[in-house]
Amino acid sequence: MPPRDRITSIHICYSLWKQGISPERMPLELGVHRATVYRWLRGFQRKGLQKFIRDYVAAKKGHRQPRKTDPVLKARVFAIRDEYQKCCGEKIQFILKRDYQTAIAVSTIYRILGEQYQLRSKWKKYSIRGFVRKGQKPREVIQTDTVDLGSLYAFTAIDTFTKEASVVIAKRLTALAGREALKAQLQQFGTIDHIQRDGGSEFKREWQEYARKHISSIRTARPYKKNEQAFIERFNGILRKECLGYLQYKKRDLRIVQQRVDEYLTYYHTKRPHLSLNMQTPKEFAMSHLT
């Protein structure tokens, strides 16, 4: 709507308001959104009609000039980042306030840094990840995750088709430990066509380098979308409920915990009937499709 037509609508809105017409009826009469009507009415109450129109017209005159950041402040931001080993924006904000009594938003700091550096976010919110695959045959799709056991960590994996599972207990939650777990998982499953993991640090450098050499397709589940990891999340719950509980294990317990898990997996694969497999065990179901 052109500005002159909008001014006319404001006058009509004011007249209707003075006549006691319900604000819910005004959008139909004026051809504007209901939120716009309520915003105008608040303006009438605070400023009156004439001042509201003057302010409205002034606000519509051209585009506002973007604010320019002080070059000295920019130089300080770059200097702090270099001095403190490429530290994050929050730390730069703290140092600026502590040493220079300068308050600045973290978003502004990252905007400044973006002028000179190629910044990388922790995860790419809008990156294309592909759809969540579900296996149609054994070894086609594996989901993997980790379970915090206190001072120990369980690297878990499950075949989404056969529901066969792998559990490797480790002392550290690192990509190096993740790589060793992946080796064990590949040894158990034989081959893996597609594997899905979350964005945890244990699935980064070493894990990823090894995975790319042995697995043709890798997908990272979206953050906070646990339904994308439904199969492995379900198995993790079963592992806690039926085997490990919610105890906090020590590093010295690694051998005992791994032995307990191995014994449970034997039961899980060969004796425990699975509802989604028509009450077959994972071992029985896998054998019927591998032959």
C-alpha atoms as a PDB file:
ATOM      1  CA  MET A   1       0.000   0.000   0.000  1.00  0.00           C
ATOM      2  CA  PRO A   2       1.489   3.424  -0.999  1.00  0.00           C
ATOM      3  CA  PRO A   3       2.270   5.825   1.903  1.00  0.00           C
ATOM      4  CA  ARG A   4      -0.594   8.216   1.021  1.00  0.00           C
ATOM      5  CA  ASP A   5      -3.123   5.330   1.054  1.00  0.00           C
ATOM      6  CA  ARG A   6      -1.674   4.119   4.332  1.00  0.00           C
ATOM      7  CA  ILE A   7      -2.112   7.607   5.889  1.00  0.00           C
ATOM      8  CA  THR A   8      -5.742   7.544   4.766  1.00  0.00           C
ATOM      9  CA  SER A   9      -6.153   4.150   6.417  1.00  0.00           C
ATOM     10  CA  ILE A  10      -4.659   5.535   9.636  1.00  0.00           C
ATOM     11  CA  HIS A  11      -7.213   8.366   9.612  1.00  0.00           C
ATOM     12  CA  ILE A  12     -10.058   5.890   9.036  1.00  0.00           C
ATOM     13  CA  CYS A  13      -8.702   3.631  11.785  1.00  0.00           C
ATOM     14  CA  TYR A  14      -8.638   6.578  14.183  1.00  0.00           C
ATOM     15  CA  SER A  15     -12.208   7.513  13.263  1.00  0.00           C
ATOM     16  CA  LEU A  16     -13.446   3.944  13.789  1.00  0.00           C
ATOM     17  CA  TRP A  17     -11.616   3.784  17.106  1.00  0.00           C
ATOM     18  CA  LYS A  18     -13.311   6.994  18.279  1.00  0.00           C
ATOM     19  CA  GLN A  19     -16.707   5.573  17.237  1.00  0.00           C
ATOM     20  CA  GLY A  20     -16.119   2.576  19.492  1.00  0.00           C
ATOM     21  CA  ILE A  21     -15.794   0.017  16.684  1.00  0.00           C
ATOM     22  CA  SER A  22     -14.209  -3.225  17.835  1.00  0.00           C
ATOM     23  CA  PRO A  23     -10.549  -3.612  16.777  1.00  0.00           C
ATOM     24  CA  GLU A  24     -11.398  -7.131  15.611  1.00  0.00           C
ATOM     25  CA  ARG A  25     -13.626  -5.678  12.874  1.00  0.00           C
ATOM     26  CA  MET A  26     -11.187  -2.983  11.707  1.00  0.00           C
ATOM     27  CA  PRO A  27      -8.804  -5.205   9.659  1.00  0.00           C
ATOM     28  CA  LEU A  28     -11.653  -6.144   7.313  1.00  0.00           C
ATOM     29  CA  GLU A  29     -12.621  -2.504   6.875  1.00  0.00           C
ATOM     30  CA  LEU A  30      -9.052  -1.262   6.378  1.00  0.00           C
ATOM     31  CA  GLY A  31      -7.491  -4.166   4.481  1.00  0.00           C
ATOM     32  CA  VAL A  32      -4.530  -4.435   6.873  1.00  0.00           C
ATOM     33  CA  HIS A  33      -3.320  -7.082   9.286  1.00  0.00           C
ATOM     34  CA  ARG A  34      -4.832  -7.200  12.761  1.00  0.00           C
ATOM     35  CA  ALA A  35      -1.415  -6.693  14.366  1.00  0.00           C
ATOM     36  CA  THR A  36      -1.048  -3.448  12.386  1.00  0.00           C
ATOM     37  CA  VAL A  37      -4.385  -2.193  13.716  1.00  0.00           C
ATOM     38  CA  TYR A  38      -3.398  -2.858  17.317  1.00  0.00           C
ATOM     39  CA  ARG A  39      -0.029  -1.166  16.741  1.00  0.00           C
ATOM     40  CA  TRP A  40      -1.795   1.928  15.397  1.00  0.00           C
ATOM     41  CA  LEU A  41      -4.232   1.994  18.321  1.00  0.00           C
ATOM     42  CA  ARG A  42      -1.372   1.889  20.806  1.00  0.00           C
ATOM     43  CA  GLY A  43       0.211   4.803  18.939  1.00  0.00           C
ATOM     44  CA  PHE A  44      -3.033   6.816  19.109  1.00  0.00           C
ATOM     45  CA  GLN A  45      -3.225   6.256  22.853  1.00  0.00           C
ATOM     46  CA  ARG A  46       0.363   7.339  23.484  1.00  0.00           C
ATOM     47  CA  LYS A  47       0.814  10.170  20.986  1.00  0.00           C
ATOM     48  CA  GLY A  48      -2.509  11.232  19.576  1.00  0.00           C
ATOM     49  CA  LEU A  49      -3.341  11.184  15.867  1.00  0.00           C
ATOM     50  CA  GLN A  50      -1.236  14.069  14.547  1.00  0.00           C
ATOM     51  CA  LYS A  51       2.021  13.183  16.315  1.00  0.00           C
ATOM     52  CA  PHE A  52       1.574   9.509  15.409  1.00  0.00           C
ATOM     53  CA  ILE A  53       1.241  10.442  11.706  1.00  0.00           C
ATOM     54  CA  ARG A  54       4.278  12.764  11.833  1.00  0.00           C
ATOM     55  CA  ASP A  55       6.415  10.043  13.401  1.00  0.00           C
ATOM     56  CA  TYR A  56       5.060   7.486  10.932  1.00  0.00           C
ATOM     57  CA  VAL A  57       5.931   9.632   7.900  1.00  0.00           C
ATOM     58  CA  ALA A  58       9.403  10.440   9.288  1.00  0.00           C
ATOM     59  CA  ALA A  59      10.120   6.760   9.836  1.00  0.00           C
ATOM     60  CA  LYS A  60       9.284   5.991   6.198  1.00  0.00           C
ATOM     61  CA  LYS A  61      11.702   8.530   4.722  1.00  0.00           C
ATOM     62  CA  GLY A  62      14.523   6.523   3.188  1.00  0.00           C
ATOM     63  CA  HIS A  63      16.636   3.734   4.657  1.00  0.00           C
ATOM     64  CA  ARG A  64      18.607   4.083   7.831  1.00  0.00           C
ATOM     65  CA  GLN A  65      22.349   4.222   7.420  1.00  0.00           C
ATOM     66  CA  PRO A  66      24.073   1.197   8.918  1.00  0.00           C
ATOM     67  CA  ARG A  67      26.039   1.873  12.055  1.00  0.00           C
ATOM     68  CA  LYS A  68      29.800   1.948  11.611  1.00  0.00           C
ATOM     69  CA  THR A  69      32.032   0.166  14.079  1.00  0.00           C
ATOM     70  CA  ASP A  70      34.883   2.170  15.552  1.00  0.00           C
ATOM     71  CA  PRO A  71      38.136   1.178  13.739  1.00  0.00           C
ATOM     72  CA  VAL A  72      39.980   1.196  17.075  1.00  0.00           C
ATOM     73  CA  LEU A  73      37.488  -1.304  18.474  1.00  0.00           C
ATOM     74  CA  LYS A  74      37.924  -3.509  15.422  1.00  0.00           C
ATOM     75  CA  ALA A  75      41.687  -3.464  15.853  1.00  0.00           C
ATOM     76  CA  ARG A  76      41.300  -4.466  19.508  1.00  0.00           C
ATOM     77  CA  VAL A  77      39.022  -7.386  18.596  1.00  0.00           C
ATOM     78  CA  PHE A  78      41.557  -8.707  16.058  1.00  0.00           C
ATOM     79  CA  ALA A  79      44.455  -8.198  18.469  1.00  0.00           C
ATOM     80  CA  ILE A  80      42.701 -10.040  21.304  1.00  0.00           C
ATOM     81  CA  ARG A  81      41.840 -12.963  19.047  1.00  0.00           C
ATOM     82  CA  ASP A  82      45.452 -13.300  17.927  1.00  0.00           C
ATOM     83  CA  GLU A  83      46.854 -12.928  21.451  1.00  0.00           C
ATOM     84  CA  TYR A  84      44.481 -15.452  22.995  1.00  0.00           C
ATOM     85  CA  GLN A  85      44.933 -18.237  20.442  1.00  0.00           C
ATOM     86  CA  LYS A  86      41.873 -17.649  18.244  1.00  0.00           C
ATOM     87  CA  CYS A  87      39.526 -17.481  21.238  1.00  0.00           C
ATOM     88  CA  CYS A  88      35.744 -17.356  20.893  1.00  0.00           C
ATOM     89  CA  GLY A  89      33.559 -14.252  20.773  1.00  0.00           C
ATOM     90  CA  GLU A  90      32.409 -14.646  24.386  1.00  0.00           C
ATOM     91  CA  LYS A  91      36.006 -14.490  25.642  1.00  0.00           C
ATOM     92  CA  ILE A  92      36.753 -11.458  23.471  1.00  0.00           C
ATOM     93  CA  GLN A  93      33.672  -9.780  24.935  1.00  0.00           C
ATOM     94  CA  PHE A  94      34.901 -10.522  28.478  1.00  0.00           C
ATOM     95  CA  ILE A  95      38.436  -9.218  27.786  1.00  0.00           C
ATOM     96  CA  LEU A  96      37.143  -6.030  26.168  1.00  0.00           C
ATOM     97  CA  LYS A  97      35.022  -5.304  29.226  1.00  0.00           C
ATOM     98  CA  ARG A  98      37.793  -6.231  31.674  1.00  0.00           C
ATOM     99  CA  ASP A  99      40.703  -4.433  30.044  1.00  0.00           C
ATOM    100  CA  TYR A 100      39.063  -1.615  28.083  1.00  0.00           C
ATOM    101  CA  GLN A 101      35.709  -1.109  29.860  1.00  0.00           C
ATOM    102  CA  THR A 102      34.009  -1.607  26.492  1.00  0.00           C
ATOM    103  CA  ALA A 103      30.639  -3.351  26.238  1.00  0.00           C
ATOM    104  CA  ILE A 104      29.897  -4.969  22.882  1.00  0.00           C
ATOM    105  CA  ALA A 105      27.526  -7.711  21.742  1.00  0.00           C
ATOM    106  CA  VAL A 106      28.935 -11.120  20.828  1.00  0.00           C
ATOM    107  CA  SER A 107      27.091 -10.948  17.494  1.00  0.00           C
ATOM    108  CA  THR A 108      28.941  -7.701  16.696  1.00  0.00           C
ATOM    109  CA  ILE A 109      32.265  -9.341  17.565  1.00  0.00           C
ATOM    110  CA  TYR A 110      31.595 -12.199  15.160  1.00  0.00           C
ATOM    111  CA  ARG A 111      30.512  -9.735  12.480  1.00  0.00           C
ATOM    112  CA  ILE A 112      33.848  -7.930  12.889  1.00  0.00           C
ATOM    113  CA  LEU A 113      35.812 -11.178  12.805  1.00  0.00           C
ATOM    114  CA  GLY A 114      33.905 -12.243   9.708  1.00  0.00           C
ATOM    115  CA  GLU A 115      35.436  -9.332   7.809  1.00  0.00           C
ATOM    116  CA  GLN A 116      38.910 -10.848   8.121  1.00  0.00           C
ATOM    117  CA  TYR A 117      38.482 -14.554   8.941  1.00  0.00           C
ATOM    118  CA  GLN A 118      36.525 -17.466   7.519  1.00  0.00           C
ATOM    119  CA  LEU A 119      34.599 -18.476  10.624  1.00  0.00           C
ATOM    120  CA  ARG A 120      33.164 -21.962  11.076  1.00  0.00           C
ATOM    121  CA  SER A 121      30.180 -22.744  13.268  1.00  0.00           C
ATOM    122  CA  LYS A 122      30.076 -25.815  15.526  1.00  0.00           C
ATOM    123  CA  TRP A 123      27.359 -27.301  13.347  1.00  0.00           C
ATOM    124  CA  LYS A 124      25.731 -26.152  10.153  1.00  0.00           C
ATOM    125  CA  LYS A 125      22.101 -25.547  10.942  1.00  0.00           C
ATOM    126  CA  TYR A 126      20.974 -25.272   7.348  1.00  0.00           C
ATOM    127  CA  SER A 127      23.385 -27.699   5.706  1.00  0.00           C
ATOM    128  CA  ILE A 128      21.944 -30.427   3.511  1.00  0.00           C
ATOM    129  CA  ARG A 129      22.139 -33.702   5.411  1.00  0.00           C
ATOM    130  CA  GLY A 130      19.946 -35.945   3.297  1.00  0.00           C
ATOM    131  CA  PHE A 131      17.038 -37.999   4.537  1.00  0.00           C
ATOM    132  CA  VAL A 132      17.227 -40.466   7.421  1.00  0.00           C
ATOM    133  CA  ARG A 133      17.734 -43.893   5.917  1.00  0.00           C
ATOM    134  CA  LYS A 134      16.282 -47.100   7.297  1.00  0.00           C
ATOM    135  CA  GLY A 135      17.869 -50.380   6.318  1.00  0.00           C
ATOM    136  CA  GLN A 136      16.058 -52.691   3.907  1.00  0.00           C
ATOM    137  CA  LYS A 137      18.621 -55.452   4.242  1.00  0.00           C
ATOM    138  CA  PRO A 138      21.332 -56.491   6.719  1.00  0.00           C
ATOM    139  CA  ARG A 139      24.304 -54.116   7.075  1.00  0.00           C
ATOM    140  CA  GLU A 140      22.699 -51.458   4.900  1.00  0.00           C
ATOM    141  CA  VAL A 141      22.224 -48.845   7.654  1.00  0.00           C
ATOM    142  CA  ILE A 142      23.961 -48.640  11.029  1.00  0.00           C
ATOM    143  CA  GLN A 143      23.230 -46.012  13.678  1.00  0.00           C
ATOM    144  CA  THR A 144      25.937 -45.308  16.247  1.00  0.00           C
ATOM    145  CA  ASP A 145      26.054 -43.340  19.493  1.00  0.00           C
ATOM    146  CA  THR A 146      27.704 -43.211  22.930  1.00  0.00           C
ATOM    147  CA  VAL A 147      26.454 -43.712  26.479  1.00  0.00           C
ATOM    148  CA  ASP A 148      28.017 -41.921  29.457  1.00  0.00           C
ATOM    149  CA  LEU A 149      28.731 -44.434  32.240  1.00  0.00           C
ATOM    150  CA  GLY A 150      30.603 -42.120  34.591  1.00  0.00           C
ATOM    151  CA  SER A 151      34.320 -42.597  33.999  1.00  0.00           C
ATOM    152  CA  LEU A 152      33.626 -45.089  31.216  1.00  0.00           C
ATOM    153  CA  TYR A 153      31.827 -44.694  27.904  1.00  0.00           C
ATOM    154  CA  ALA A 154      29.913 -47.186  25.793  1.00  0.00           C
ATOM    155  CA  PHE A 155      30.267 -46.844  22.029  1.00  0.00           C
ATOM    156  CA  THR A 156      27.075 -48.438  20.726  1.00  0.00           C
ATOM    157  CA  ALA A 157      25.880 -49.323  17.228  1.00  0.00           C
ATOM    158  CA  ILE A 158      22.803 -51.060  15.830  1.00  0.00           C
ATOM    159  CA  ASP A 159      21.749 -52.479  12.477  1.00  0.00           C
ATOM    160  CA  THR A 160      18.411 -50.766  11.854  1.00  0.00           C
ATOM    161  CA  PHE A 161      17.141 -53.766   9.854  1.00  0.00           C
ATOM    162  CA  THR A 162      18.183 -56.790  11.895  1.00  0.00           C
ATOM    163  CA  LYS A 163      18.482 -54.961  15.269  1.00  0.00           C
ATOM    164  CA  GLU A 164      21.891 -56.595  15.852  1.00  0.00           C
ATOM    165  CA  ALA A 165      23.977 -54.442  18.160  1.00  0.00           C
ATOM    166  CA  SER A 166      27.583 -53.756  19.091  1.00  0.00           C
ATOM    167  CA  VAL A 167      28.901 -52.246  22.329  1.00  0.00           C
ATOM    168  CA  VAL A 168      32.514 -51.250  22.968  1.00  0.00           C
ATOM    169  CA  ILE A 169      33.503 -49.865  26.391  1.00  0.00           C
ATOM    170  CA  ALA A 170      36.226 -47.211  26.470  1.00  0.00           C
ATOM    171  CA  LYS A 171      37.928 -45.036  29.074  1.00  0.00           C
ATOM    172  CA  ARG A 172      37.802 -41.853  27.009  1.00  0.00           C
ATOM    173  CA  LEU A 173      35.207 -40.078  24.911  1.00  0.00           C
ATOM    174  CA  THR A 174      37.557 -39.124  22.087  1.00  0.00           C
ATOM    175  CA  ALA A 175      37.643 -39.535  18.327  1.00  0.00           C
ATOM    176  CA  LEU A 176      40.597 -41.892  18.773  1.00  0.00           C
ATOM    177  CA  ALA A 177      38.526 -44.133  21.054  1.00  0.00           C
ATOM    178  CA  GLY A 178      35.665 -43.796  18.582  1.00  0.00           C
ATOM    179  CA  ARG A 179      37.914 -45.022  15.781  1.00  0.00           C
ATOM    180  CA  GLU A 180      38.877 -48.121  17.760  1.00  0.00           C
ATOM    181  CA  ALA A 181      35.209 -48.773  18.491  1.00  0.00           C
ATOM    182  CA  LEU A 182      34.375 -48.413  14.803  1.00  0.00           C
ATOM    183  CA  LYS A 183      37.044 -50.992  13.958  1.00  0.00           C
ATOM    184  CA  ALA A 184      35.374 -53.434  16.344  1.00  0.00           C
ATOM    185  CA  GLN A 185      31.944 -52.637  14.896  1.00  0.00           C
ATOM    186  CA  LEU A 186      33.169 -53.250  11.351  1.00  0.00           C
ATOM    187  CA  GLN A 187      34.706 -56.511  12.460  1.00  0.00           C
ATOM    188  CA  GLN A 188      31.372 -57.603  13.951  1.00  0.00           C
ATOM    189  CA  PHE A 189      29.092 -56.428  11.135  1.00  0.00           C
ATOM    190  CA  GLY A 190      31.507 -57.300   8.343  1.00  0.00           C
ATOM    191  CA  THR A 191      30.514 -54.470   6.010  1.00  0.00           C
ATOM    192  CA  ILE A 192      28.535 -51.273   6.483  1.00  0.00           C
ATOM    193  CA  ASP A 193      26.947 -49.438   3.565  1.00  0.00           C
ATOM    194  CA  HIS A 194      25.716 -46.360   5.457  1.00  0.00           C
ATOM    195  CA  ILE A 195      26.390 -45.152   8.994  1.00  0.00           C
ATOM    196  CA  GLN A 196      24.705 -42.370  10.933  1.00  0.00           C
ATOM    197  CA  ARG A 197      26.188 -40.653  13.964  1.00  0.00           C
ATOM    198  CA  ASP A 198      25.469 -37.473  15.919  1.00  0.00           C
ATOM    199  CA  GLY A 199      27.713 -34.407  15.968  1.00  0.00           C
ATOM    200  CA  GLY A 200      29.702 -35.410  19.073  1.00  0.00           C
ATOM    201  CA  SER A 201      33.456 -34.856  19.222  1.00  0.00           C
ATOM    202  CA  GLU A 202      33.995 -38.619  19.465  1.00  0.00           C
ATOM    203  CA  PHE A 203      32.864 -38.890  15.826  1.00  0.00           C
ATOM    204  CA  LYS A 204      35.210 -36.256  14.460  1.00  0.00           C
ATOM    205  CA  ARG A 205      38.717 -36.409  13.029  1.00  0.00           C
ATOM    206  CA  GLU A 206      40.146 -39.910  13.635  1.00  0.00           C
ATOM    207  CA  TRP A 207      36.742 -41.589  13.540  1.00  0.00           C
ATOM    208  CA  GLN A 208      35.765 -39.778  10.370  1.00  0.00           C
ATOM    209  CA  GLU A 209      39.020 -40.457   8.538  1.00  0.00           C
ATOM    210  CA  TYR A 210      38.706 -44.180   9.249  1.00  0.00           C
ATOM    211  CA  ALA A 211      34.998 -44.258   8.405  1.00  0.00           C
ATOM    212  CA  ARG A 212      35.544 -42.610   5.022  1.00  0.00           C
ATOM    213  CA  LYS A 213      38.013 -45.330   4.065  1.00  0.00           C
ATOM    214  CA  HIS A 214      35.667 -48.220   4.902  1.00  0.00           C
ATOM    215  CA  ILE A 215      32.098 -46.893   4.633  1.00  0.00           C
ATOM    216  CA  SER A 216      30.686 -45.374   1.454  1.00  0.00           C
ATOM    217  CA  SER A 217      28.011 -43.181   3.051  1.00  0.00           C
ATOM    218  CA  ILE A 218      28.091 -41.197   6.328  1.00  0.00           C
ATOM    219  CA  ARG A 219      25.361 -38.968   7.730  1.00  0.00           C
ATOM    220  CA  THR A 220      25.317 -36.674  10.778  1.00  0.00           C
ATOM    221  CA  ALA A 221      21.981 -36.499  12.585  1.00  0.00           C
ATOM    222  CA  ARG A 222      20.607 -33.018  13.206  1.00  0.00           C
ATOM    223  CA  PRO A 223      21.109 -31.599  16.708  1.00  0.00           C
ATOM    224  CA  TYR A 224      18.179 -31.997  19.116  1.00  0.00           C
ATOM    225  CA  LYS A 225      16.421 -34.376  16.705  1.00  0.00           C
ATOM    226  CA  LYS A 226      16.582 -37.586  18.715  1.00  0.00           C
ATOM    227  CA  ASN A 227      13.948 -39.181  16.483  1.00  0.00           C
ATOM    228  CA  GLU A 228      16.601 -39.338  13.757  1.00  0.00           C
ATOM    229  CA  GLN A 229      18.603 -41.641  16.039  1.00  0.00           C
ATOM    230  CA  ALA A 230      15.536 -43.549  17.226  1.00  0.00           C
ATOM    231  CA  PHE A 231      16.963 -47.057  16.768  1.00  0.00           C
ATOM    232  CA  ILE A 232      20.190 -46.495  18.667  1.00  0.00           C
ATOM    233  CA  GLU A 233      18.491 -44.370  21.339  1.00  0.00           C
ATOM    234  CA  ARG A 234      16.045 -47.216  21.923  1.00  0.00           C
ATOM    235  CA  PHE A 235      18.875 -49.723  22.211  1.00  0.00           C
ATOM    236  CA  ASN A 236      20.784 -47.466  24.609  1.00  0.00           C
ATOM    237  CA  GLY A 237      17.740 -47.439  26.868  1.00  0.00           C
ATOM    238  CA  ILE A 238      17.502 -51.231  26.731  1.00  0.00           C
ATOM    239  CA  LEU A 239      21.212 -51.551  27.523  1.00  0.00           C
ATOM    240  CA  ARG A 240      20.830 -49.423  30.646  1.00  0.00           C
ATOM    241  CA  LYS A 241      17.592 -51.037  31.779  1.00  0.00           C
ATOM    242  CA  GLU A 242      18.545 -54.668  31.244  1.00  0.00           C
ATOM    243  CA  CYS A 243      22.302 -54.668  31.665  1.00  0.00           C
ATOM    244  CA  LEU A 244      24.225 -51.689  33.032  1.00  0.00           C
ATOM    245  CA  GLY A 245      21.655 -49.707  34.966  1.00  0.00           C
ATOM    246  CA  TYR A 246      22.432 -46.105  35.876  1.00  0.00           C
ATOM    247  CA  LEU A 247      25.536 -46.683  37.998  1.00  0.00           C
ATOM    248  CA  GLN A 248      28.624 -44.511  37.699  1.00  0.00           C
ATOM    249  CA  TYR A 249      31.472 -46.845  36.722  1.00  0.00           C
ATOM    250  CA  LYS A 250      35.177 -46.279  37.377  1.00  0.00           C
ATOM    251  CA  LYS A 251      37.954 -46.732  34.827  1.00  0.00           C
ATOM    252  CA  ARG A 252      39.186 -49.752  36.732  1.00  0.00           C
ATOM    253  CA  ASP A 253      35.833 -51.417  36.010  1.00  0.00           C
ATOM    254  CA  LEU A 254      36.401 -51.474  32.242  1.00  0.00           C
ATOM    255  CA  ARG A 255      37.169 -55.182  31.922  1.00  0.00           C
ATOM    256  CA  ILE A 256      34.260 -56.206  34.150  1.00  0.00           C
ATOM    257  CA  VAL A 257      31.806 -53.902  32.369  1.00  0.00           C
ATOM    258  CA  GLN A 258      32.897 -55.107  28.915  1.00  0.00           C
ATOM    259  CA  GLN A 259      32.516 -58.720  30.043  1.00  0.00           C
ATOM    260  CA  ARG A 260      29.035 -58.016  31.403  1.00  0.00           C
ATOM    261  CA  VAL A 261      28.063 -56.296  28.156  1.00  0.00           C
ATOM    262  CA  ASP A 262      29.409 -59.167  26.033  1.00  0.00           C
ATOM    263  CA  GLU A 263      27.383 -61.669  28.054  1.00  0.00           C
ATOM    264  CA  TYR A 264      24.288 -59.522  27.684  1.00  0.00           C
ATOM    265  CA  LEU A 265      24.765 -59.189  23.918  1.00  0.00           C
ATOM    266  CA  THR A 266      24.873 -62.973  23.619  1.00  0.00           C
ATOM    267  CA  TYR A 267      21.487 -63.093  25.361  1.00  0.00           C
ATOM    268  CA  TYR A 268      20.189 -60.131  23.348  1.00  0.00           C
ATOM    269  CA  HIS A 269      21.129 -61.670  20.000  1.00  0.00           C
ATOM    270  CA  THR A 270      20.175 -65.303  20.634  1.00  0.00           C
ATOM    271  CA  LYS A 271      17.425 -65.445  23.289  1.00  0.00           C
ATOM    272  CA  ARG A 272      15.644 -62.107  23.578  1.00  0.00           C
ATOM    273  CA  PRO A 273      12.602 -61.981  21.216  1.00  0.00           C
ATOM    274  CA  HIS A 274      12.083 -58.684  19.426  1.00  0.00           C
ATOM    275  CA  LEU A 275       8.610 -57.271  18.762  1.00  0.00           C
ATOM    276  CA  SER A 276       9.554 -55.538  15.510  1.00  0.00           C
ATOM    277  CA  LEU A 277      11.079 -58.797  14.233  1.00  0.00           C
ATOM    278  CA  ASN A 278       7.860 -60.791  14.743  1.00  0.00           C
ATOM    279  CA  MET A 279       9.196 -62.171  18.015  1.00  0.00           C
ATOM    280  CA  GLN A 280      12.361 -63.521  16.400  1.00  0.00           C
ATOM    281  CA  THR A 281      15.739 -62.845  17.925  1.00  0.00           C
ATOM    282  CA  PRO A 282      18.094 -60.548  16.006  1.00  0.00           C
ATOM    283  CA  LYS A 283      20.326 -63.535  15.242  1.00  0.00           C
ATOM    284  CA  GLU A 284      17.446 -65.587  13.823  1.00  0.00           C
ATOM    285  CA  PHE A 285      16.159 -62.675  11.778  1.00  0.00           C
ATOM    286  CA  ALA A 286      19.613 -61.885  10.387  1.00  0.00           C
ATOM    287  CA  MET A 287      20.293 -65.481   9.433  1.00  0.00           C
ATOM    288  CA  SER A 288      16.993 -65.712   7.560  1.00  0.00           C
ATOM    289  CA  HIS A 289      18.044 -62.759   5.400  1.00  0.00           C
ATOM    290  CA  LEU A 290      21.738 -63.459   5.026  1.00  0.00           C
ATOM    291  CA  THR A 291      21.209 -66.892   3.493  1.00  0.00           C
END
